[in-house]
PDB file of all heavy atoms in Angstrom:
ATOM      1  N   ALA A   1      -1.183  13.466  -9.645  1.00  0.00           N
ATOM      2  CA  ALA A   1      -1.008  14.683  -8.855  1.00  0.00           C
ATOM      3  C   ALA A   1       0.415  14.876  -8.348  1.00  0.00           C
ATOM      4  O   ALA A   1       0.716  15.911  -7.755  1.00  0.00           O
ATOM      5  CB  ALA A   1      -1.972  14.664  -7.664  1.00  0.00           C
ATOM      6  N   LYS A   2       1.290  13.887  -8.580  1.00  0.00           N
ATOM      7  CA  LYS A   2       2.656  13.934  -8.071  1.00  0.00           C
ATOM      8  C   LYS A   2       2.667  14.077  -6.539  1.00  0.00           C
ATOM      9  O   LYS A   2       3.467  14.801  -5.964  1.00  0.00           O
ATOM     10  CB  LYS A   2       3.451  15.086  -8.703  1.00  0.00           C
ATOM     11  CG  LYS A   2       3.428  15.107 -10.221  1.00  0.00           C
ATOM     12  CD  LYS A   2       3.989  13.836 -10.812  1.00  0.00           C
ATOM     13  CE  LYS A   2       3.967  13.899 -12.345  1.00  0.00           C
ATOM     14  NZ  LYS A   2       4.396  12.611 -12.954  1.00  0.00           N
ATOM     15  N   GLU A   3       1.760  13.356  -5.897  1.00  0.00           N
ATOM     16  CA  GLU A   3       1.588  13.440  -4.449  1.00  0.00           C
ATOM     17  C   GLU A   3       2.018  12.156  -3.767  1.00  0.00           C
ATOM     18  O   GLU A   3       1.847  11.062  -4.312  1.00  0.00           O
ATOM     19  CB  GLU A   3       0.110  13.656  -4.080  1.00  0.00           C
ATOM     20  CG  GLU A   3      -0.448  15.020  -4.322  1.00  0.00           C
ATOM     21  CD  GLU A   3      -1.906  15.082  -3.901  1.00  0.00           C
ATOM     22  OE1 GLU A   3      -2.540  14.017  -3.738  1.00  0.00           O
ATOM     23  OE2 GLU A   3      -2.426  16.194  -3.731  1.00  0.00           O
ATOM     24  N   THR A   4       2.503  12.293  -2.547  1.00  0.00           N
ATOM     25  CA  THR A   4       2.645  11.141  -1.657  1.00  0.00           C
ATOM     26  C   THR A   4       1.274  10.819  -1.089  1.00  0.00           C
ATOM     27  O   THR A   4       0.564  11.713  -0.616  1.00  0.00           O
ATOM     28  CB  THR A   4       3.611  11.459  -0.509  1.00  0.00           C
ATOM     29  OG1 THR A   4       4.890  11.793  -1.043  1.00  0.00           O
ATOM     30  CG2 THR A   4       3.749  10.268   0.440  1.00  0.00           C
ATOM     31  N   GLN A   5       0.902   9.560  -1.161  1.00  0.00           N
ATOM     32  CA  GLN A   5      -0.383   9.117  -0.620  1.00  0.00           C
ATOM     33  C   GLN A   5      -0.148   8.370   0.693  1.00  0.00           C
ATOM     34  O   GLN A   5       0.666   7.438   0.742  1.00  0.00           O
ATOM     35  CB  GLN A   5      -1.102   8.205  -1.619  1.00  0.00           C
ATOM     36  CG  GLN A   5      -1.260   8.810  -3.006  1.00  0.00           C
ATOM     37  CD  GLN A   5      -2.139  10.050  -3.001  1.00  0.00           C
ATOM     38  OE1 GLN A   5      -3.279  10.021  -2.556  1.00  0.00           O
ATOM     39  NE2 GLN A   5      -1.594  11.154  -3.499  1.00  0.00           N
ATOM     40  N   ILE A   6      -0.834   8.778   1.738  1.00  0.00           N
ATOM     41  CA  ILE A   6      -0.631   8.219   3.080  1.00  0.00           C
ATOM     42  C   ILE A   6      -1.937   7.592   3.548  1.00  0.00           C
ATOM     43  O   ILE A   6      -3.001   8.221   3.460  1.00  0.00           O
ATOM     44  CB  ILE A   6      -0.200   9.314   4.071  1.00  0.00           C
ATOM     45  CG1 ILE A   6       1.001  10.103   3.512  1.00  0.00           C
ATOM     46  CG2 ILE A   6       0.145   8.708   5.428  1.00  0.00           C
ATOM     47  CD1 ILE A   6       1.357  11.336   4.319  1.00  0.00           C
ATOM     48  N   PHE A   7      -1.882   6.357   4.039  1.00  0.00           N
ATOM     49  CA  PHE A   7      -3.105   5.698   4.490  1.00  0.00           C
ATOM     50  C   PHE A   7      -2.774   4.701   5.594  1.00  0.00           C
ATOM     51  O   PHE A   7      -1.603   4.365   5.830  1.00  0.00           O
ATOM     52  CB  PHE A   7      -3.842   5.023   3.327  1.00  0.00           C
ATOM     53  CG  PHE A   7      -2.969   4.196   2.418  1.00  0.00           C
ATOM     54  CD1 PHE A   7      -2.865   2.825   2.592  1.00  0.00           C
ATOM     55  CD2 PHE A   7      -2.255   4.793   1.391  1.00  0.00           C
ATOM     56  CE1 PHE A   7      -2.075   2.061   1.757  1.00  0.00           C
ATOM     57  CE2 PHE A   7      -1.447   4.038   0.540  1.00  0.00           C
ATOM     58  CZ  PHE A   7      -1.360   2.668   0.721  1.00  0.00           C
ATOM     59  N   ILE A   8      -3.824   4.240   6.270  1.00  0.00           N
ATOM     60  CA  ILE A   8      -3.650   3.345   7.417  1.00  0.00           C
ATOM     61  C   ILE A   8      -4.684   2.225   7.367  1.00  0.00           C
ATOM     62  O   ILE A   8      -5.618   2.253   6.555  1.00  0.00           O
ATOM     63  CB  ILE A   8      -3.778   4.115   8.759  1.00  0.00           C
ATOM     64  CG1 ILE A   8      -5.116   4.868   8.817  1.00  0.00           C
ATOM     65  CG2 ILE A   8      -2.604   5.058   8.942  1.00  0.00           C
ATOM     66  CD1 ILE A   8      -5.330   5.625  10.122  1.00  0.00           C
ATOM     67  N   GLU A   9      -4.510   1.280   8.246  1.00  0.00           N
ATOM     68  CA  GLU A   9      -5.442   0.162   8.372  1.00  0.00           C
ATOM     69  C   GLU A   9      -5.519  -0.250   9.836  1.00  0.00           C
ATOM     70  O   GLU A   9      -4.602   0.030  10.625  1.00  0.00           O
ATOM     71  CB  GLU A   9      -4.974  -1.010   7.497  1.00  0.00           C
ATOM     72  CG  GLU A   9      -5.849  -2.250   7.530  1.00  0.00           C
ATOM     73  CD  GLU A   9      -7.316  -2.000   7.219  1.00  0.00           C
ATOM     74  OE1 GLU A   9      -8.010  -1.426   8.095  1.00  0.00           O
ATOM     75  OE2 GLU A   9      -7.772  -2.387   6.137  1.00  0.00           O
ATOM     76  N   THR A  10      -6.607  -0.884  10.206  1.00  0.00           N
ATOM     77  CA  THR A  10      -6.699  -1.464  11.540  1.00  0.00           C
ATOM     78  C   THR A  10      -5.546  -2.469  11.701  1.00  0.00           C
ATOM     79  O   THR A  10      -5.326  -3.298  10.808  1.00  0.00           O
ATOM     80  CB  THR A  10      -8.044  -2.179  11.715  1.00  0.00           C
ATOM     81  OG1 THR A  10      -9.101  -1.224  11.509  1.00  0.00           O
ATOM     82  CG2 THR A  10      -8.164  -2.784  13.103  1.00  0.00           C
ATOM     83  N   PRO A  11      -4.780  -2.373  12.802  1.00  0.00           N
ATOM     84  CA  PRO A  11      -3.532  -3.151  12.896  1.00  0.00           C
ATOM     85  C   PRO A  11      -3.639  -4.642  12.587  1.00  0.00           C
ATOM     86  O   PRO A  11      -2.710  -5.217  12.011  1.00  0.00           O
ATOM     87  CB  PRO A  11      -3.091  -2.904  14.340  1.00  0.00           C
ATOM     88  CG  PRO A  11      -3.580  -1.528  14.628  1.00  0.00           C
ATOM     89  CD  PRO A  11      -4.920  -1.430  13.933  1.00  0.00           C
ATOM     90  N   TYR A  12      -4.751  -5.285  12.927  1.00  0.00           N
ATOM     91  CA  TYR A  12      -4.816  -6.725  12.673  1.00  0.00           C
ATOM     92  C   TYR A  12      -5.078  -7.059  11.201  1.00  0.00           C
ATOM     93  O   TYR A  12      -5.051  -8.230  10.810  1.00  0.00           O
ATOM     94  CB  TYR A  12      -5.842  -7.418  13.581  1.00  0.00           C
ATOM     95  CG  TYR A  12      -7.274  -7.003  13.377  1.00  0.00           C
ATOM     96  CD1 TYR A  12      -8.061  -7.593  12.392  1.00  0.00           C
ATOM     97  CD2 TYR A  12      -7.864  -6.041  14.181  1.00  0.00           C
ATOM     98  CE1 TYR A  12      -9.387  -7.233  12.211  1.00  0.00           C
ATOM     99  CE2 TYR A  12      -9.184  -5.675  14.014  1.00  0.00           C
ATOM    100  CZ  TYR A  12      -9.938  -6.266  13.018  1.00  0.00           C
ATOM    101  OH  TYR A  12     -11.253  -5.902  12.835  1.00  0.00           O
ATOM    102  N   ARG A  13      -5.297  -6.029  10.360  1.00  0.00           N
ATOM    103  CA  ARG A  13      -5.456  -6.266   8.921  1.00  0.00           C
ATOM    104  C   ARG A  13      -4.261  -5.745   8.125  1.00  0.00           C
ATOM    105  O   ARG A  13      -4.295  -5.705   6.891  1.00  0.00           O
ATOM    106  CB  ARG A  13      -6.746  -5.608   8.417  1.00  0.00           C
ATOM    107  CG  ARG A  13      -8.014  -6.336   8.831  1.00  0.00           C
ATOM    108  CD  ARG A  13      -9.207  -5.891   8.003  1.00  0.00           C
ATOM    109  NE  ARG A  13      -9.613  -4.532   8.323  1.00  0.00           N
ATOM    110  CZ  ARG A  13     -10.583  -4.216   9.182  1.00  0.00           C
ATOM    111  NH1 ARG A  13     -11.234  -5.174   9.814  1.00  0.00           N
ATOM    112  NH2 ARG A  13     -10.901  -2.962   9.418  1.00  0.00           N
ATOM    113  N   ASN A  14      -3.193  -5.352   8.803  1.00  0.00           N
ATOM    114  CA  ASN A  14      -2.036  -4.766   8.121  1.00  0.00           C
ATOM    115  C   ASN A  14      -1.434  -5.688   7.059  1.00  0.00           C
ATOM    116  O   ASN A  14      -1.094  -5.248   5.957  1.00  0.00           O
ATOM    117  CB  ASN A  14      -0.945  -4.414   9.139  1.00  0.00           C
ATOM    118  CG  ASN A  14      -1.197  -3.102   9.844  1.00  0.00           C
ATOM    119  OD1 ASN A  14      -1.873  -2.221   9.329  1.00  0.00           O
ATOM    120  ND2 ASN A  14      -0.650  -2.978  11.049  1.00  0.00           N
ATOM    121  N   MET A  15      -1.262  -6.957   7.388  1.00  0.00           N
ATOM    122  CA  MET A  15      -0.597  -7.863   6.463  1.00  0.00           C
ATOM    123  C   MET A  15      -1.440  -8.100   5.216  1.00  0.00           C
ATOM    124  O   MET A  15      -0.906  -8.219   4.104  1.00  0.00           O
ATOM    125  CB  MET A  15      -0.263  -9.192   7.156  1.00  0.00           C
ATOM    126  CG  MET A  15       0.735  -9.062   8.305  1.00  0.00           C
ATOM    127  SD  MET A  15       2.281  -8.212   7.870  1.00  0.00           S
ATOM    128  CE  MET A  15       2.990  -9.360   6.689  1.00  0.00           C
ATOM    129  N   HIS A  16      -2.757  -8.150   5.379  1.00  0.00           N
ATOM    130  CA  HIS A  16      -3.644  -8.297   4.217  1.00  0.00           C
ATOM    131  C   HIS A  16      -3.523  -7.088   3.302  1.00  0.00           C
ATOM    132  O   HIS A  16      -3.488  -7.220   2.070  1.00  0.00           O
ATOM    133  CB  HIS A  16      -5.096  -8.468   4.670  1.00  0.00           C
ATOM    134  CG  HIS A  16      -5.346  -9.701   5.468  1.00  0.00           C
ATOM    135  ND1 HIS A  16      -5.164 -10.967   4.950  1.00  0.00           N
ATOM    136  CD2 HIS A  16      -5.768  -9.869   6.749  1.00  0.00           C
ATOM    137  CE1 HIS A  16      -5.458 -11.868   5.878  1.00  0.00           C
ATOM    138  NE2 HIS A  16      -5.821 -11.227   6.978  1.00  0.00           N
ATOM    139  N   LEU A  17      -3.464  -5.897   3.905  1.00  0.00           N
ATOM    140  CA  LEU A  17      -3.311  -4.688   3.110  1.00  0.00           C
ATOM    141  C   LEU A  17      -1.971  -4.689   2.385  1.00  0.00           C
ATOM    142  O   LEU A  17      -1.891  -4.365   1.191  1.00  0.00           O
ATOM    143  CB  LEU A  17      -3.424  -3.453   4.006  1.00  0.00           C
ATOM    144  CG  LEU A  17      -3.146  -2.102   3.331  1.00  0.00           C
ATOM    145  CD1 LEU A  17      -4.053  -1.889   2.124  1.00  0.00           C
ATOM    146  CD2 LEU A  17      -3.305  -0.969   4.334  1.00  0.00           C
ATOM    147  N   LEU A  18      -0.902  -5.047   3.086  1.00  0.00           N
ATOM    148  CA  LEU A  18       0.415  -5.064   2.465  1.00  0.00           C
ATOM    149  C   LEU A  18       0.446  -6.028   1.278  1.00  0.00           C
ATOM    150  O   LEU A  18       0.991  -5.701   0.209  1.00  0.00           O
ATOM    151  CB  LEU A  18       1.475  -5.454   3.495  1.00  0.00           C
ATOM    152  CG  LEU A  18       2.911  -5.584   2.972  1.00  0.00           C
ATOM    153  CD1 LEU A  18       3.370  -4.305   2.303  1.00  0.00           C
ATOM    154  CD2 LEU A  18       3.847  -5.963   4.117  1.00  0.00           C
ATOM    155  N   GLU A  19      -0.119  -7.192   1.448  1.00  0.00           N
ATOM    156  CA  GLU A  19      -0.151  -8.171   0.351  1.00  0.00           C
ATOM    157  C   GLU A  19      -0.883  -7.612  -0.862  1.00  0.00           C
ATOM    158  O   GLU A  19      -0.440  -7.788  -2.006  1.00  0.00           O
ATOM    159  CB  GLU A  19      -0.821  -9.460   0.831  1.00  0.00           C
ATOM    160  CG  GLU A  19      -0.001 -10.238   1.854  1.00  0.00           C
ATOM    161  CD  GLU A  19      -0.810 -11.323   2.543  1.00  0.00           C
ATOM    162  OE1 GLU A  19      -1.996 -11.513   2.164  1.00  0.00           O
ATOM    163  OE2 GLU A  19      -0.273 -11.979   3.444  1.00  0.00           O
ATOM    164  N   ASP A  20      -1.984  -6.908  -0.625  1.00  0.00           N
ATOM    165  CA  ASP A  20      -2.748  -6.345  -1.734  1.00  0.00           C
ATOM    166  C   ASP A  20      -2.029  -5.172  -2.389  1.00  0.00           C
ATOM    167  O   ASP A  20      -2.154  -4.958  -3.597  1.00  0.00           O
ATOM    168  CB  ASP A  20      -4.140  -5.918  -1.251  1.00  0.00           C
ATOM    169  CG  ASP A  20      -5.095  -7.087  -1.099  1.00  0.00           C
ATOM    170  OD1 ASP A  20      -4.814  -8.159  -1.673  1.00  0.00           O
ATOM    171  OD2 ASP A  20      -6.120  -6.943  -0.407  1.00  0.00           O
ATOM    172  N   ILE A  21      -1.300  -4.386  -1.605  1.00  0.00           N
ATOM    173  CA  ILE A  21      -0.505  -3.296  -2.195  1.00  0.00           C
ATOM    174  C   ILE A  21       0.524  -3.877  -3.156  1.00  0.00           C
ATOM    175  O   ILE A  21       0.670  -3.420  -4.299  1.00  0.00           O
ATOM    176  CB  ILE A  21       0.207  -2.480  -1.095  1.00  0.00           C
ATOM    177  CG1 ILE A  21      -0.810  -1.713  -0.245  1.00  0.00           C
ATOM    178  CG2 ILE A  21       1.201  -1.503  -1.733  1.00  0.00           C
ATOM    179  CD1 ILE A  21      -0.190  -1.034   0.972  1.00  0.00           C
ATOM    180  N   LEU A  22       1.238  -4.893  -2.718  1.00  0.00           N
ATOM    181  CA  LEU A  22       2.297  -5.483  -3.543  1.00  0.00           C
ATOM    182  C   LEU A  22       1.741  -6.161  -4.787  1.00  0.00           C
ATOM    183  O   LEU A  22       2.405  -6.228  -5.827  1.00  0.00           O
ATOM    184  CB  LEU A  22       3.112  -6.480  -2.720  1.00  0.00           C
ATOM    185  CG  LEU A  22       3.861  -5.892  -1.515  1.00  0.00           C
ATOM    186  CD1 LEU A  22       4.648  -6.982  -0.794  1.00  0.00           C
ATOM    187  CD2 LEU A  22       4.770  -4.750  -1.926  1.00  0.00           C
ATOM    188  N   ALA A  23       0.509  -6.655  -4.709  1.00  0.00           N
ATOM    189  CA  ALA A  23      -0.096  -7.374  -5.832  1.00  0.00           C
ATOM    190  C   ALA A  23      -0.794  -6.448  -6.826  1.00  0.00           C
ATOM    191  O   ALA A  23      -1.096  -6.874  -7.946  1.00  0.00           O
ATOM    192  CB  ALA A  23      -1.101  -8.398  -5.308  1.00  0.00           C
ATOM    193  N   ASN A  24      -1.020  -5.179  -6.438  1.00  0.00           N
ATOM    194  CA  ASN A  24      -1.854  -4.311  -7.276  1.00  0.00           C
ATOM    195  C   ASN A  24      -1.207  -2.974  -7.613  1.00  0.00           C
ATOM    196  O   ASN A  24      -1.902  -2.035  -8.012  1.00  0.00           O
ATOM    197  CB  ASN A  24      -3.193  -4.065  -6.579  1.00  0.00           C
ATOM    198  CG  ASN A  24      -4.055  -5.304  -6.516  1.00  0.00           C
ATOM    199  OD1 ASN A  24      -4.754  -5.641  -7.471  1.00  0.00           O
ATOM    200  ND2 ASN A  24      -4.006  -6.002  -5.386  1.00  0.00           N
ATOM    201  N   THR A  25       0.110  -2.876  -7.475  1.00  0.00           N
ATOM    202  CA  THR A  25       0.818  -1.650  -7.844  1.00  0.00           C
ATOM    203  C   THR A  25       1.966  -1.976  -8.788  1.00  0.00           C
ATOM    204  O   THR A  25       2.402  -3.123  -8.887  1.00  0.00           O
ATOM    205  CB  THR A  25       1.364  -0.919  -6.602  1.00  0.00           C
ATOM    206  OG1 THR A  25       2.138  -1.840  -5.817  1.00  0.00           O
ATOM    207  CG2 THR A  25       0.241  -0.361  -5.746  1.00  0.00           C
ATOM    208  N   ASN A  26       2.453  -0.963  -9.467  1.00  0.00           N
ATOM    209  CA  ASN A  26       3.521  -1.142 -10.436  1.00  0.00           C
ATOM    210  C   ASN A  26       4.864  -1.407  -9.742  1.00  0.00           C
ATOM    211  O   ASN A  26       5.087  -0.924  -8.622  1.00  0.00           O
ATOM    212  CB  ASN A  26       3.637   0.092 -11.323  1.00  0.00           C
ATOM    213  CG  ASN A  26       2.418   0.272 -12.216  1.00  0.00           C
ATOM    214  OD1 ASN A  26       1.938  -0.697 -12.819  1.00  0.00           O
ATOM    215  ND2 ASN A  26       1.915   1.484 -12.294  1.00  0.00           N
ATOM    216  N   PRO A  27       5.745  -2.148 -10.392  1.00  0.00           N
ATOM    217  CA  PRO A  27       7.014  -2.535  -9.765  1.00  0.00           C
ATOM    218  C   PRO A  27       7.865  -1.361  -9.283  1.00  0.00           C
ATOM    219  O   PRO A  27       8.560  -1.479  -8.269  1.00  0.00           O
ATOM    220  CB  PRO A  27       7.728  -3.311 -10.874  1.00  0.00           C
ATOM    221  CG  PRO A  27       6.631  -3.824 -11.750  1.00  0.00           C
ATOM    222  CD  PRO A  27       5.575  -2.765 -11.724  1.00  0.00           C
ATOM    223  N   ASP A  28       7.822  -0.237 -10.007  1.00  0.00           N
ATOM    224  CA  ASP A  28       8.679   0.892  -9.653  1.00  0.00           C
ATOM    225  C   ASP A  28       8.032   1.874  -8.685  1.00  0.00           C
ATOM    226  O   ASP A  28       8.675   2.840  -8.257  1.00  0.00           O
ATOM    227  CB  ASP A  28       9.108   1.641 -10.919  1.00  0.00           C
ATOM    228  CG  ASP A  28      10.049   0.811 -11.790  1.00  0.00           C
ATOM    229  OD1 ASP A  28      10.856   0.040 -11.221  1.00  0.00           O
ATOM    230  OD2 ASP A  28       9.966   0.921 -13.023  1.00  0.00           O
ATOM    231  N   THR A  29       6.777   1.657  -8.339  1.00  0.00           N
ATOM    232  CA  THR A  29       6.116   2.507  -7.347  1.00  0.00           C
ATOM    233  C   THR A  29       6.805   2.334  -6.001  1.00  0.00           C
ATOM    234  O   THR A  29       7.118   1.223  -5.583  1.00  0.00           O
ATOM    235  CB  THR A  29       4.624   2.136  -7.228  1.00  0.00           C
ATOM    236  OG1 THR A  29       3.964   2.542  -8.430  1.00  0.00           O
ATOM    237  CG2 THR A  29       3.966   2.837  -6.054  1.00  0.00           C
ATOM    238  N   LYS A  30       7.039   3.452  -5.327  1.00  0.00           N
ATOM    239  CA  LYS A  30       7.709   3.402  -4.029  1.00  0.00           C
ATOM    240  C   LYS A  30       6.691   3.190  -2.910  1.00  0.00           C
ATOM    241  O   LYS A  30       5.635   3.817  -2.902  1.00  0.00           O
ATOM    242  CB  LYS A  30       8.498   4.688  -3.777  1.00  0.00           C
ATOM    243  CG  LYS A  30       9.696   4.867  -4.691  1.00  0.00           C
ATOM    244  CD  LYS A  30      10.420   6.156  -4.368  1.00  0.00           C
ATOM    245  CE  LYS A  30      11.616   6.364  -5.287  1.00  0.00           C
ATOM    246  NZ  LYS A  30      12.308   7.640  -4.988  1.00  0.00           N
ATOM    247  N   LEU A  31       7.039   2.322  -1.976  1.00  0.00           N
ATOM    248  CA  LEU A  31       6.207   2.051  -0.812  1.00  0.00           C
ATOM    249  C   LEU A  31       7.037   2.220   0.449  1.00  0.00           C
ATOM    250  O   LEU A  31       8.110   1.621   0.574  1.00  0.00           O
ATOM    251  CB  LEU A  31       5.644   0.628  -0.860  1.00  0.00           C
ATOM    252  CG  LEU A  31       4.904   0.158   0.400  1.00  0.00           C
ATOM    253  CD1 LEU A  31       3.623   0.958   0.613  1.00  0.00           C
ATOM    254  CD2 LEU A  31       4.599  -1.342   0.318  1.00  0.00           C
TER     255      LEU A  31
END
């Protein structure tokens, strides 16, 4: 869709989410 995707997490799970983003997205995807 050529869209920016915006999402959130409960603050105490932020690091788990970040780790999974880095492990499951393409190298050139912007975060």
